[in-house]
Amino acid sequence: MSERMRFITHRGKKILLLDFSDCLENELEQLIRTVPDIVAKQPRASVLILVDYTRTTIDKESLWVMKETAVFNKPYVRKSAWVRAESFPDVHRETLKSFSGRDFPTFKTREDALEWLTVD
């Protein structure tokens, strides 16, 4: 785990924070490739994920790795939320959603995303 990928606690719930803010394409791709190693160690349908895409640059290769990771992680993820995904084009989000069968709600702030993640 690193500063960019770590578990935090909010309202007594463990949340995997993926801080991809200010990432360039090659760094983003490398980080995303390590996410399954973290998620697969957790119980199925238990992981709450908060991804921060503030000022992140996304290319086709990063998108492909995201799609693979989203499919792999699906059995383990209970909910996920994105923050500040303005740089993530809607067409990419829809492709990712369609490919993985998962939803990726987007929020303007981490606090809003954390509140949504911790509501059962």
PDB file of N, CA and C in Angstrom:
ATOM      1  N   MET A   1       0.850  -1.174   0.000  1.00  0.00           N
ATOM      2  CA  MET A   1       0.000   0.000   0.000  1.00  0.00           C
ATOM      3  C   MET A   1       0.895   1.237   0.000  1.00  0.00           C
ATOM      4  N   SER A   2       0.334   2.313  -0.452  1.00  0.00           N
ATOM      5  CA  SER A   2       1.086   3.562  -0.544  1.00  0.00           C
ATOM      6  C   SER A   2       0.168   4.709  -0.154  1.00  0.00           C
ATOM      7  N   GLU A   3       0.701   5.917  -0.210  1.00  0.00           N
ATOM      8  CA  GLU A   3      -0.132   7.085   0.063  1.00  0.00           C
ATOM      9  C   GLU A   3      -1.258   7.200  -0.964  1.00  0.00           C
ATOM     10  N   ARG A   4      -1.011   6.752  -2.162  1.00  0.00           N
ATOM     11  CA  ARG A   4      -2.022   6.833  -3.210  1.00  0.00           C
ATOM     12  C   ARG A   4      -3.099   5.756  -3.079  1.00  0.00           C
ATOM     13  N   MET A   5      -2.769   4.653  -2.458  1.00  0.00           N
ATOM     14  CA  MET A   5      -3.737   3.560  -2.305  1.00  0.00           C
ATOM     15  C   MET A   5      -3.658   3.052  -0.874  1.00  0.00           C
ATOM     16  N   ARG A   6      -4.721   3.358  -0.119  1.00  0.00           N
ATOM     17  CA  ARG A   6      -4.701   2.993   1.301  1.00  0.00           C
ATOM     18  C   ARG A   6      -6.131   2.891   1.822  1.00  0.00           C
ATOM     19  N   PHE A   7      -6.275   2.187   2.913  1.00  0.00           N
ATOM     20  CA  PHE A   7      -7.573   2.110   3.564  1.00  0.00           C
ATOM     21  C   PHE A   7      -7.709   3.265   4.538  1.00  0.00           C
ATOM     22  N   ILE A   8      -8.892   3.866   4.524  1.00  0.00           N
ATOM     23  CA  ILE A   8      -9.243   4.914   5.476  1.00  0.00           C
ATOM     24  C   ILE A   8     -10.530   4.479   6.165  1.00  0.00           C
ATOM     25  N   THR A   9     -10.889   5.158   7.238  1.00  0.00           N
ATOM     26  CA  THR A   9     -12.130   4.860   7.938  1.00  0.00           C
ATOM     27  C   THR A   9     -13.006   6.103   7.937  1.00  0.00           C
ATOM     28  N   HIS A  10     -14.278   5.911   7.607  1.00  0.00           N
ATOM     29  CA  HIS A  10     -15.253   7.001   7.637  1.00  0.00           C
ATOM     30  C   HIS A  10     -16.544   6.428   8.205  1.00  0.00           C
ATOM     31  N   ARG A  11     -17.037   7.057   9.264  1.00  0.00           N
ATOM     32  CA  ARG A  11     -18.251   6.597   9.942  1.00  0.00           C
ATOM     33  C   ARG A  11     -18.163   5.105  10.316  1.00  0.00           C
ATOM     34  N   GLY A  12     -16.976   4.719  10.734  1.00  0.00           N
ATOM     35  CA  GLY A  12     -16.749   3.358  11.191  1.00  0.00           C
ATOM     36  C   GLY A  12     -16.616   2.329  10.081  1.00  0.00           C
ATOM     37  N   LYS A  13     -16.578   2.763   8.834  1.00  0.00           N
ATOM     38  CA  LYS A  13     -16.479   1.826   7.714  1.00  0.00           C
ATOM     39  C   LYS A  13     -15.123   1.973   7.036  1.00  0.00           C
ATOM     40  N   LYS A  14     -14.570   0.846   6.654  1.00  0.00           N
ATOM     41  CA  LYS A  14     -13.280   0.800   5.977  1.00  0.00           C
ATOM     42  C   LYS A  14     -13.495   1.065   4.486  1.00  0.00           C
ATOM     43  N   ILE A  15     -12.742   2.034   3.955  1.00  0.00           N
ATOM     44  CA  ILE A  15     -12.875   2.437   2.557  1.00  0.00           C
ATOM     45  C   ILE A  15     -11.492   2.426   1.919  1.00  0.00           C
ATOM     46  N   LEU A  16     -11.410   1.817   0.748  1.00  0.00           N
ATOM     47  CA  LEU A  16     -10.165   1.833  -0.003  1.00  0.00           C
ATOM     48  C   LEU A  16     -10.115   3.130  -0.800  1.00  0.00           C
ATOM     49  N   LEU A  17      -9.184   4.004  -0.435  1.00  0.00           N
ATOM     50  CA  LEU A  17      -8.989   5.274  -1.134  1.00  0.00           C
ATOM     51  C   LEU A  17      -7.943   5.059  -2.216  1.00  0.00           C
ATOM     52  N   LEU A  18      -8.338   5.313  -3.459  1.00  0.00           N
ATOM     53  CA  LEU A  18      -7.423   5.282  -4.593  1.00  0.00           C
ATOM     54  C   LEU A  18      -7.245   6.726  -5.033  1.00  0.00           C
ATOM     55  N   ASP A  19      -6.169   7.338  -4.581  1.00  0.00           N
ATOM     56  CA  ASP A  19      -5.913   8.744  -4.872  1.00  0.00           C
ATOM     57  C   ASP A  19      -5.108   8.845  -6.161  1.00  0.00           C
ATOM     58  N   PHE A  20      -5.824   8.949  -7.275  1.00  0.00           N
ATOM     59  CA  PHE A  20      -5.193   9.044  -8.586  1.00  0.00           C
ATOM     60  C   PHE A  20      -5.107  10.497  -9.051  1.00  0.00           C
ATOM     61  N   SER A  21      -5.253  11.431  -8.131  1.00  0.00           N
ATOM     62  CA  SER A  21      -5.200  12.848  -8.497  1.00  0.00           C
ATOM     63  C   SER A  21      -3.827  13.194  -9.065  1.00  0.00           C
ATOM     64  N   ASP A  22      -3.844  14.029 -10.089  1.00  0.00           N
ATOM     65  CA  ASP A  22      -2.623  14.528 -10.741  1.00  0.00           C
ATOM     66  C   ASP A  22      -1.761  13.432 -11.363  1.00  0.00           C
ATOM     67  N   CYS A  23      -2.335  12.282 -11.670  1.00  0.00           N
ATOM     68  CA  CYS A  23      -1.582  11.207 -12.319  1.00  0.00           C
ATOM     69  C   CYS A  23      -1.484  11.446 -13.821  1.00  0.00           C
ATOM     70  N   LEU A  24      -0.342  11.115 -14.361  1.00  0.00           N
ATOM     71  CA  LEU A  24      -0.183  11.059 -15.804  1.00  0.00           C
ATOM     72  C   LEU A  24      -0.510   9.638 -16.254  1.00  0.00           C
ATOM     73  N   GLU A  25      -0.690   9.450 -17.565  1.00  0.00           N
ATOM     74  CA  GLU A  25      -1.159   8.168 -18.081  1.00  0.00           C
ATOM     75  C   GLU A  25      -0.334   6.976 -17.596  1.00  0.00           C
ATOM     76  N   ASN A  26       0.996   7.038 -17.723  1.00  0.00           N
ATOM     77  CA  ASN A  26       1.811   5.879 -17.374  1.00  0.00           C
ATOM     78  C   ASN A  26       1.757   5.566 -15.877  1.00  0.00           C
ATOM     79  N   GLU A  27       1.705   6.583 -15.041  1.00  0.00           N
ATOM     80  CA  GLU A  27       1.601   6.352 -13.595  1.00  0.00           C
ATOM     81  C   GLU A  27       0.237   5.780 -13.250  1.00  0.00           C
ATOM     82  N   LEU A  28      -0.810   6.304 -13.853  1.00  0.00           N
ATOM     83  CA  LEU A  28      -2.161   5.810 -13.601  1.00  0.00           C
ATOM     84  C   LEU A  28      -2.277   4.341 -13.954  1.00  0.00           C
ATOM     85  N   GLU A  29      -1.787   3.974 -15.119  1.00  0.00           N
ATOM     86  CA  GLU A  29      -1.852   2.579 -15.548  1.00  0.00           C
ATOM     87  C   GLU A  29      -1.138   1.662 -14.556  1.00  0.00           C
ATOM     88  N   GLN A  30       0.042   2.045 -14.110  1.00  0.00           N
ATOM     89  CA  GLN A  30       0.798   1.235 -13.147  1.00  0.00           C
ATOM     90  C   GLN A  30       0.036   1.081 -11.831  1.00  0.00           C
ATOM     91  N   LEU A  31      -0.555   2.159 -11.348  1.00  0.00           N
ATOM     92  CA  LEU A  31      -1.310   2.098 -10.098  1.00  0.00           C
ATOM     93  C   LEU A  31      -2.531   1.185 -10.232  1.00  0.00           C
ATOM     94  N   ILE A  32      -3.264   1.343 -11.317  1.00  0.00           N
ATOM     95  CA  ILE A  32      -4.477   0.545 -11.514  1.00  0.00           C
ATOM     96  C   ILE A  32      -4.143  -0.943 -11.558  1.00  0.00           C
ATOM     97  N   ARG A  33      -3.014  -1.290 -12.147  1.00  0.00           N
ATOM     98  CA  ARG A  33      -2.627  -2.705 -12.237  1.00  0.00           C
ATOM     99  C   ARG A  33      -2.419  -3.344 -10.862  1.00  0.00           C
ATOM    100  N   THR A  34      -2.158  -2.548  -9.829  1.00  0.00           N
ATOM    101  CA  THR A  34      -1.926  -3.103  -8.491  1.00  0.00           C
ATOM    102  C   THR A  34      -3.207  -3.212  -7.658  1.00  0.00           C
ATOM    103  N   VAL A  35      -4.287  -2.588  -8.113  1.00  0.00           N
ATOM    104  CA  VAL A  35      -5.530  -2.582  -7.335  1.00  0.00           C
ATOM    105  C   VAL A  35      -6.073  -3.998  -7.086  1.00  0.00           C
ATOM    106  N   PRO A  36      -6.090  -4.902  -8.072  1.00  0.00           N
ATOM    107  CA  PRO A  36      -6.622  -6.243  -7.786  1.00  0.00           C
ATOM    108  C   PRO A  36      -5.882  -6.974  -6.667  1.00  0.00           C
ATOM    109  N   ASP A  37      -4.590  -6.718  -6.520  1.00  0.00           N
ATOM    110  CA  ASP A  37      -3.832  -7.350  -5.437  1.00  0.00           C
ATOM    111  C   ASP A  37      -4.358  -6.938  -4.067  1.00  0.00           C
ATOM    112  N   ILE A  38      -4.835  -5.719  -3.962  1.00  0.00           N
ATOM    113  CA  ILE A  38      -5.380  -5.220  -2.697  1.00  0.00           C
ATOM    114  C   ILE A  38      -6.806  -5.729  -2.499  1.00  0.00           C
ATOM    115  N   VAL A  39      -7.625  -5.585  -3.515  1.00  0.00           N
ATOM    116  CA  VAL A  39      -9.051  -5.903  -3.416  1.00  0.00           C
ATOM    117  C   VAL A  39      -9.284  -7.400  -3.206  1.00  0.00           C
ATOM    118  N   ALA A  40      -8.514  -8.235  -3.882  1.00  0.00           N
ATOM    119  CA  ALA A  40      -8.735  -9.690  -3.809  1.00  0.00           C
ATOM    120  C   ALA A  40      -8.408 -10.266  -2.435  1.00  0.00           C
ATOM    121  N   LYS A  41      -7.762  -9.509  -1.594  1.00  0.00           N
ATOM    122  CA  LYS A  41      -7.457  -9.967  -0.233  1.00  0.00           C
ATOM    123  C   LYS A  41      -8.615  -9.703   0.728  1.00  0.00           C
ATOM    124  N   GLN A  42      -9.651  -9.029   0.243  1.00  0.00           N
ATOM    125  CA  GLN A  42     -10.799  -8.667   1.075  1.00  0.00           C
ATOM    126  C   GLN A  42     -11.946  -9.659   0.841  1.00  0.00           C
ATOM    127  N   PRO A  43     -12.873  -9.757   1.781  1.00  0.00           N
ATOM    128  CA  PRO A  43     -14.033 -10.637   1.572  1.00  0.00           C
ATOM    129  C   PRO A  43     -14.862 -10.176   0.370  1.00  0.00           C
ATOM    130  N   ARG A  44     -15.496 -11.123  -0.270  1.00  0.00           N
ATOM    131  CA  ARG A  44     -16.355 -10.804  -1.418  1.00  0.00           C
ATOM    132  C   ARG A  44     -17.474  -9.854  -1.002  1.00  0.00           C
ATOM    133  N   ALA A  45     -17.819  -8.966  -1.919  1.00  0.00           N
ATOM    134  CA  ALA A  45     -18.918  -7.995  -1.756  1.00  0.00           C
ATOM    135  C   ALA A  45     -18.753  -7.119  -0.516  1.00  0.00           C
ATOM    136  N   SER A  46     -17.512  -6.827  -0.153  1.00  0.00           N
ATOM    137  CA  SER A  46     -17.289  -6.035   1.058  1.00  0.00           C
ATOM    138  C   SER A  46     -16.575  -4.714   0.821  1.00  0.00           C
ATOM    139  N   VAL A  47     -15.925  -4.552  -0.295  1.00  0.00           N
ATOM    140  CA  VAL A  47     -15.024  -3.418  -0.481  1.00  0.00           C
ATOM    141  C   VAL A  47     -15.783  -2.160  -0.917  1.00  0.00           C
ATOM    142  N   LEU A  48     -15.535  -1.098  -0.182  1.00  0.00           N
ATOM    143  CA  LEU A  48     -16.020   0.237  -0.543  1.00  0.00           C
ATOM    144  C   LEU A  48     -14.815   0.971  -1.121  1.00  0.00           C
ATOM    145  N   ILE A  49     -14.973   1.521  -2.332  1.00  0.00           N
ATOM    146  CA  ILE A  49     -13.844   2.165  -3.005  1.00  0.00           C
ATOM    147  C   ILE A  49     -14.183   3.615  -3.331  1.00  0.00           C
ATOM    148  N   LEU A  50     -13.253   4.500  -2.993  1.00  0.00           N
ATOM    149  CA  LEU A  50     -13.335   5.906  -3.363  1.00  0.00           C
ATOM    150  C   LEU A  50     -12.144   6.208  -4.267  1.00  0.00           C
ATOM    151  N   VAL A  51     -12.420   6.639  -5.502  1.00  0.00           N
ATOM    152  CA  VAL A  51     -11.363   6.955  -6.459  1.00  0.00           C
ATOM    153  C   VAL A  51     -11.383   8.455  -6.741  1.00  0.00           C
ATOM    154  N   ASP A  52     -10.247   9.106  -6.533  1.00  0.00           N
ATOM    155  CA  ASP A  52     -10.120  10.541  -6.796  1.00  0.00           C
ATOM    156  C   ASP A  52      -9.360  10.728  -8.106  1.00  0.00           C
ATOM    157  N   TYR A  53     -10.048  11.280  -9.116  1.00  0.00           N
ATOM    158  CA  TYR A  53      -9.465  11.508 -10.440  1.00  0.00           C
ATOM    159  C   TYR A  53      -9.156  12.990 -10.689  1.00  0.00           C
ATOM    160  N   THR A  54      -9.008  13.779  -9.649  1.00  0.00           N
ATOM    161  CA  THR A  54      -8.754  15.214  -9.809  1.00  0.00           C
ATOM    162  C   THR A  54      -7.527  15.445 -10.691  1.00  0.00           C
ATOM    163  N   ARG A  55      -7.708  16.182 -11.789  1.00  0.00           N
ATOM    164  CA  ARG A  55      -6.643  16.564 -12.719  1.00  0.00           C
ATOM    165  C   ARG A  55      -5.850  15.362 -13.238  1.00  0.00           C
ATOM    166  N   THR A  56      -6.519  14.252 -13.453  1.00  0.00           N
ATOM    167  CA  THR A  56      -5.867  13.039 -13.944  1.00  0.00           C
ATOM    168  C   THR A  56      -6.002  12.957 -15.459  1.00  0.00           C
ATOM    169  N   THR A  57      -4.953  12.499 -16.101  1.00  0.00           N
ATOM    170  CA  THR A  57      -4.957  12.310 -17.542  1.00  0.00           C
ATOM    171  C   THR A  57      -5.170  10.831 -17.838  1.00  0.00           C
ATOM    172  N   ILE A  58      -6.161  10.537 -18.702  1.00  0.00           N
ATOM    173  CA  ILE A  58      -6.522   9.159 -18.998  1.00  0.00           C
ATOM    174  C   ILE A  58      -6.356   8.918 -20.495  1.00  0.00           C
ATOM    175  N   ASP A  59      -5.600   7.876 -20.837  1.00  0.00           N
ATOM    176  CA  ASP A  59      -5.434   7.522 -22.239  1.00  0.00           C
ATOM    177  C   ASP A  59      -6.091   6.163 -22.508  1.00  0.00           C
ATOM    178  N   LYS A  60      -5.995   5.675 -23.746  1.00  0.00           N
ATOM    179  CA  LYS A  60      -6.654   4.415 -24.117  1.00  0.00           C
ATOM    180  C   LYS A  60      -6.101   3.228 -23.335  1.00  0.00           C
ATOM    181  N   GLU A  61      -4.802   3.185 -23.116  1.00  0.00           N
ATOM    182  CA  GLU A  61      -4.209   2.072 -22.379  1.00  0.00           C
ATOM    183  C   GLU A  61      -4.685   2.071 -20.924  1.00  0.00           C
ATOM    184  N   SER A  62      -4.731   3.240 -20.307  1.00  0.00           N
ATOM    185  CA  SER A  62      -5.234   3.329 -18.932  1.00  0.00           C
ATOM    186  C   SER A  62      -6.685   2.874 -18.864  1.00  0.00           C
ATOM    187  N   LEU A  63      -7.473   3.281 -19.855  1.00  0.00           N
ATOM    188  CA  LEU A  63      -8.878   2.871 -19.898  1.00  0.00           C
ATOM    189  C   LEU A  63      -8.994   1.355 -20.023  1.00  0.00           C
ATOM    190  N   TRP A  64      -8.177   0.752 -20.856  1.00  0.00           N
ATOM    191  CA  TRP A  64      -8.222  -0.706 -21.020  1.00  0.00           C
ATOM    192  C   TRP A  64      -7.896  -1.408 -19.697  1.00  0.00           C
ATOM    193  N   VAL A  65      -6.868  -0.930 -19.011  1.00  0.00           N
ATOM    194  CA  VAL A  65      -6.493  -1.525 -17.724  1.00  0.00           C
ATOM    195  C   VAL A  65      -7.611  -1.317 -16.705  1.00  0.00           C
ATOM    196  N   MET A  66      -8.269  -0.164 -16.728  1.00  0.00           N
ATOM    197  CA  MET A  66      -9.411   0.083 -15.838  1.00  0.00           C
ATOM    198  C   MET A  66     -10.523  -0.924 -16.100  1.00  0.00           C
ATOM    199  N   LYS A  67     -10.800  -1.185 -17.365  1.00  0.00           N
ATOM    200  CA  LYS A  67     -11.862  -2.127 -17.718  1.00  0.00           C
ATOM    201  C   LYS A  67     -11.545  -3.519 -17.187  1.00  0.00           C
ATOM    202  N   GLU A  68     -10.324  -3.977 -17.399  1.00  0.00           N
ATOM    203  CA  GLU A  68      -9.925  -5.296 -16.893  1.00  0.00           C
ATOM    204  C   GLU A  68     -10.034  -5.363 -15.374  1.00  0.00           C
ATOM    205  N   THR A  69      -9.549  -4.320 -14.720  1.00  0.00           N
ATOM    206  CA  THR A  69      -9.553  -4.275 -13.256  1.00  0.00           C
ATOM    207  C   THR A  69     -10.977  -4.226 -12.712  1.00  0.00           C
ATOM    208  N   ALA A  70     -11.840  -3.442 -13.343  1.00  0.00           N
ATOM    209  CA  ALA A  70     -13.228  -3.331 -12.882  1.00  0.00           C
ATOM    210  C   ALA A  70     -13.943  -4.669 -12.966  1.00  0.00           C
ATOM    211  N   VAL A  71     -13.679  -5.433 -14.004  1.00  0.00           N
ATOM    212  CA  VAL A  71     -14.296  -6.757 -14.145  1.00  0.00           C
ATOM    213  C   VAL A  71     -13.747  -7.706 -13.078  1.00  0.00           C
ATOM    214  N   PHE A  72     -12.429  -7.716 -12.910  1.00  0.00           N
ATOM    215  CA  PHE A  72     -11.816  -8.591 -11.918  1.00  0.00           C
ATOM    216  C   PHE A  72     -12.310  -8.278 -10.513  1.00  0.00           C
ATOM    217  N   ASN A  73     -12.421  -6.987 -10.196  1.00  0.00           N
ATOM    218  CA  ASN A  73     -12.795  -6.563  -8.845  1.00  0.00           C
ATOM    219  C   ASN A  73     -14.275  -6.718  -8.534  1.00  0.00           C
ATOM    220  N   LYS A  74     -15.104  -6.873  -9.538  1.00  0.00           N
ATOM    221  CA  LYS A  74     -16.560  -6.861  -9.348  1.00  0.00           C
ATOM    222  C   LYS A  74     -17.048  -7.755  -8.200  1.00  0.00           C
ATOM    223  N   PRO A  75     -16.579  -8.985  -8.065  1.00  0.00           N
ATOM    224  CA  PRO A  75     -17.094  -9.824  -6.964  1.00  0.00           C
ATOM    225  C   PRO A  75     -16.754  -9.300  -5.569  1.00  0.00           C
ATOM    226  N   TYR A  76     -15.747  -8.478  -5.466  1.00  0.00           N
ATOM    227  CA  TYR A  76     -15.269  -8.003  -4.167  1.00  0.00           C
ATOM    228  C   TYR A  76     -15.849  -6.644  -3.771  1.00  0.00           C
ATOM    229  N   VAL A  77     -16.319  -5.894  -4.751  1.00  0.00           N
ATOM    230  CA  VAL A  77     -16.731  -4.505  -4.511  1.00  0.00           C
ATOM    231  C   VAL A  77     -18.209  -4.420  -4.157  1.00  0.00           C
ATOM    232  N   ARG A  78     -18.489  -3.757  -3.037  1.00  0.00           N
ATOM    233  CA  ARG A  78     -19.870  -3.493  -2.643  1.00  0.00           C
ATOM    234  C   ARG A  78     -20.361  -2.200  -3.275  1.00  0.00           C
ATOM    235  N   LYS A  79     -19.550  -1.151  -3.178  1.00  0.00           N
ATOM    236  CA  LYS A  79     -19.882   0.147  -3.769  1.00  0.00           C
ATOM    237  C   LYS A  79     -18.588   0.847  -4.146  1.00  0.00           C
ATOM    238  N   SER A  80     -18.676   1.656  -5.180  1.00  0.00           N
ATOM    239  CA  SER A  80     -17.538   2.503  -5.512  1.00  0.00           C
ATOM    240  C   SER A  80     -18.055   3.877  -5.908  1.00  0.00           C
ATOM    241  N   ALA A  81     -17.213   4.878  -5.685  1.00  0.00           N
ATOM    242  CA  ALA A  81     -17.569   6.254  -6.016  1.00  0.00           C
ATOM    243  C   ALA A  81     -16.343   6.952  -6.573  1.00  0.00           C
ATOM    244  N   TRP A  82     -16.593   7.841  -7.517  1.00  0.00           N
ATOM    245  CA  TRP A  82     -15.528   8.641  -8.111  1.00  0.00           C
ATOM    246  C   TRP A  82     -15.668  10.083  -7.657  1.00  0.00           C
ATOM    247  N   VAL A  83     -14.521  10.741  -7.526  1.00  0.00           N
ATOM    248  CA  VAL A  83     -14.495  12.155  -7.186  1.00  0.00           C
ATOM    249  C   VAL A  83     -13.759  12.906  -8.284  1.00  0.00           C
ATOM    250  N   ARG A  84     -14.325  14.063  -8.642  1.00  0.00           N
ATOM    251  CA  ARG A  84     -13.679  14.996  -9.558  1.00  0.00           C
ATOM    252  C   ARG A  84     -13.209  14.310 -10.841  1.00  0.00           C
ATOM    253  N   ALA A  85     -14.120  13.651 -11.511  1.00  0.00           N
ATOM    254  CA  ALA A  85     -13.789  12.913 -12.730  1.00  0.00           C
ATOM    255  C   ALA A  85     -14.068  13.734 -13.987  1.00  0.00           C
ATOM    256  N   GLU A  86     -13.922  15.036 -13.908  1.00  0.00           N
ATOM    257  CA  GLU A  86     -14.182  15.881 -15.068  1.00  0.00           C
ATOM    258  C   GLU A  86     -13.288  15.531 -16.246  1.00  0.00           C
ATOM    259  N   SER A  87     -12.061  15.074 -15.952  1.00  0.00           N
ATOM    260  CA  SER A  87     -11.134  14.732 -17.022  1.00  0.00           C
ATOM    261  C   SER A  87     -11.442  13.355 -17.618  1.00  0.00           C
ATOM    262  N   PHE A  88     -12.399  12.655 -17.045  1.00  0.00           N
ATOM    263  CA  PHE A  88     -12.777  11.323 -17.504  1.00  0.00           C
ATOM    264  C   PHE A  88     -13.974  11.490 -18.447  1.00  0.00           C
ATOM    265  N   PRO A  89     -13.756  11.415 -19.749  1.00  0.00           N
ATOM    266  CA  PRO A  89     -14.851  11.659 -20.697  1.00  0.00           C
ATOM    267  C   PRO A  89     -16.047  10.727 -20.468  1.00  0.00           C
ATOM    268  N   ASP A  90     -17.239  11.247 -20.673  1.00  0.00           N
ATOM    269  CA  ASP A  90     -18.456  10.451 -20.481  1.00  0.00           C
ATOM    270  C   ASP A  90     -18.438   9.177 -21.312  1.00  0.00           C
ATOM    271  N   VAL A  91     -17.908   9.244 -22.523  1.00  0.00           N
ATOM    272  CA  VAL A  91     -17.865   8.059 -23.375  1.00  0.00           C
ATOM    273  C   VAL A  91     -16.992   6.974 -22.740  1.00  0.00           C
ATOM    274  N   HIS A  92     -15.901   7.354 -22.093  1.00  0.00           N
ATOM    275  CA  HIS A  92     -15.055   6.368 -21.399  1.00  0.00           C
ATOM    276  C   HIS A  92     -15.786   5.771 -20.201  1.00  0.00           C
ATOM    277  N   ARG A  93     -16.490   6.626 -19.470  1.00  0.00           N
ATOM    278  CA  ARG A  93     -17.241   6.149 -18.301  1.00  0.00           C
ATOM    279  C   ARG A  93     -18.307   5.145 -18.728  1.00  0.00           C
ATOM    280  N   GLU A  94     -19.018   5.447 -19.798  1.00  0.00           N
ATOM    281  CA  GLU A  94     -20.060   4.543 -20.295  1.00  0.00           C
ATOM    282  C   GLU A  94     -19.460   3.237 -20.803  1.00  0.00           C
ATOM    283  N   THR A  95     -18.309   3.317 -21.472  1.00  0.00           N
ATOM    284  CA  THR A  95     -17.619   2.107 -21.935  1.00  0.00           C
ATOM    285  C   THR A  95     -17.231   1.238 -20.750  1.00  0.00           C
ATOM    286  N   LEU A  96     -16.674   1.860 -19.740  1.00  0.00           N
ATOM    287  CA  LEU A  96     -16.260   1.135 -18.538  1.00  0.00           C
ATOM    288  C   LEU A  96     -17.464   0.511 -17.841  1.00  0.00           C
ATOM    289  N   LYS A  97     -18.531   1.262 -17.727  1.00  0.00           N
ATOM    290  CA  LYS A  97     -19.757   0.774 -17.085  1.00  0.00           C
ATOM    291  C   LYS A  97     -20.330  -0.414 -17.859  1.00  0.00           C
ATOM    292  N   SER A  98     -20.415  -0.301 -19.162  1.00  0.00           N
ATOM    293  CA  SER A  98     -20.958  -1.353 -20.008  1.00  0.00           C
ATOM    294  C   SER A  98     -20.087  -2.611 -19.963  1.00  0.00           C
ATOM    295  N   PHE A  99     -18.783  -2.434 -20.050  1.00  0.00           N
ATOM    296  CA  PHE A  99     -17.851  -3.555 -20.073  1.00  0.00           C
ATOM    297  C   PHE A  99     -17.842  -4.323 -18.754  1.00  0.00           C
ATOM    298  N   SER A 100     -17.893  -3.590 -17.646  1.00  0.00           N
ATOM    299  CA  SER A 100     -17.742  -4.217 -16.326  1.00  0.00           C
ATOM    300  C   SER A 100     -19.061  -4.598 -15.663  1.00  0.00           C
ATOM    301  N   GLY A 101     -20.161  -4.007 -16.121  1.00  0.00           N
ATOM    302  CA  GLY A 101     -21.434  -4.257 -15.459  1.00  0.00           C
ATOM    303  C   GLY A 101     -21.520  -3.585 -14.093  1.00  0.00           C
ATOM    304  N   ARG A 102     -20.701  -2.562 -13.893  1.00  0.00           N
ATOM    305  CA  ARG A 102     -20.698  -1.823 -12.629  1.00  0.00           C
ATOM    306  C   ARG A 102     -21.069  -0.380 -12.885  1.00  0.00           C
ATOM    307  N   ASP A 103     -21.542   0.275 -11.827  1.00  0.00           N
ATOM    308  CA  ASP A 103     -21.867   1.692 -11.909  1.00  0.00           C
ATOM    309  C   ASP A 103     -20.759   2.479 -11.212  1.00  0.00           C
ATOM    310  N   PHE A 104     -20.507   3.694 -11.694  1.00  0.00           N
ATOM    311  CA  PHE A 104     -19.455   4.531 -11.132  1.00  0.00           C
ATOM    312  C   PHE A 104     -19.997   5.934 -10.872  1.00  0.00           C
ATOM    313  N   PRO A 105     -20.797   6.093  -9.808  1.00  0.00           N
ATOM    314  CA  PRO A 105     -21.329   7.419  -9.498  1.00  0.00           C
ATOM    315  C   PRO A 105     -20.198   8.397  -9.208  1.00  0.00           C
ATOM    316  N   THR A 106     -20.406   9.629  -9.639  1.00  0.00           N
ATOM    317  CA  THR A 106     -19.374  10.654  -9.528  1.00  0.00           C
ATOM    318  C   THR A 106     -19.844  11.788  -8.625  1.00  0.00           C
ATOM    319  N   PHE A 107     -18.926  12.264  -7.794  1.00  0.00           N
ATOM    320  CA  PHE A 107     -19.214  13.321  -6.838  1.00  0.00           C
ATOM    321  C   PHE A 107     -18.205  14.447  -6.980  1.00  0.00           C
ATOM    322  N   LYS A 108     -18.596  15.635  -6.557  1.00  0.00           N
ATOM    323  CA  LYS A 108     -17.712  16.802  -6.660  1.00  0.00           C
ATOM    324  C   LYS A 108     -16.661  16.828  -5.561  1.00  0.00           C
ATOM    325  N   THR A 109     -16.976  16.244  -4.393  1.00  0.00           N
ATOM    326  CA  THR A 109     -16.034  16.281  -3.274  1.00  0.00           C
ATOM    327  C   THR A 109     -15.867  14.889  -2.677  1.00  0.00           C
ATOM    328  N   ARG A 110     -14.746  14.705  -2.026  1.00  0.00           N
ATOM    329  CA  ARG A 110     -14.515  13.434  -1.322  1.00  0.00           C
ATOM    330  C   ARG A 110     -15.556  13.235  -0.223  1.00  0.00           C
ATOM    331  N   GLU A 111     -15.873  14.315   0.470  1.00  0.00           N
ATOM    332  CA  GLU A 111     -16.844  14.205   1.570  1.00  0.00           C
ATOM    333  C   GLU A 111     -18.189  13.704   1.059  1.00  0.00           C
ATOM    334  N   ASP A 112     -18.664  14.236  -0.065  1.00  0.00           N
ATOM    335  CA  ASP A 112     -19.930  13.764  -0.638  1.00  0.00           C
ATOM    336  C   ASP A 112     -19.841  12.282  -0.998  1.00  0.00           C
ATOM    337  N   ALA A 113     -18.730  11.882  -1.594  1.00  0.00           N
ATOM    338  CA  ALA A 113     -18.553  10.478  -1.972  1.00  0.00           C
ATOM    339  C   ALA A 113     -18.488   9.579  -0.741  1.00  0.00           C
ATOM    340  N   LEU A 114     -17.783  10.028   0.285  1.00  0.00           N
ATOM    341  CA  LEU A 114     -17.686   9.240   1.516  1.00  0.00           C
ATOM    342  C   LEU A 114     -19.044   9.064   2.165  1.00  0.00           C
ATOM    343  N   GLU A 115     -19.836  10.129   2.188  1.00  0.00           N
ATOM    344  CA  GLU A 115     -21.182  10.034   2.770  1.00  0.00           C
ATOM    345  C   GLU A 115     -22.016   9.013   2.003  1.00  0.00           C
ATOM    346  N   TRP A 116     -21.953   9.062   0.677  1.00  0.00           N
ATOM    347  CA  TRP A 116     -22.729   8.130  -0.143  1.00  0.00           C
ATOM    348  C   TRP A 116     -22.252   6.690   0.066  1.00  0.00           C
ATOM    349  N   LEU A 117     -20.944   6.496   0.141  1.00  0.00           N
ATOM    350  CA  LEU A 117     -20.404   5.155   0.324  1.00  0.00           C
ATOM    351  C   LEU A 117     -20.813   4.527   1.649  1.00  0.00           C
ATOM    352  N   THR A 118     -20.953   5.343   2.685  1.00  0.00           N
ATOM    353  CA  THR A 118     -21.196   4.800   4.021  1.00  0.00           C
ATOM    354  C   THR A 118     -22.678   4.677   4.366  1.00  0.00           C
ATOM    355  N   VAL A 119     -23.551   5.070   3.450  1.00  0.00           N
ATOM    356  CA  VAL A 119     -24.986   4.883   3.668  1.00  0.00           C
ATOM    357  C   VAL A 119     -25.361   3.499   3.159  1.00  0.00           C
ATOM    358  N   ASP A 120     -26.000   2.731   4.017  1.00  0.00           N
ATOM    359  CA  ASP A 120     -26.403   1.363   3.604  1.00  0.00           C
ATOM    360  C   ASP A 120     -27.767   1.345   2.998  1.00  0.00           C
TER     361      ASP A 120
END
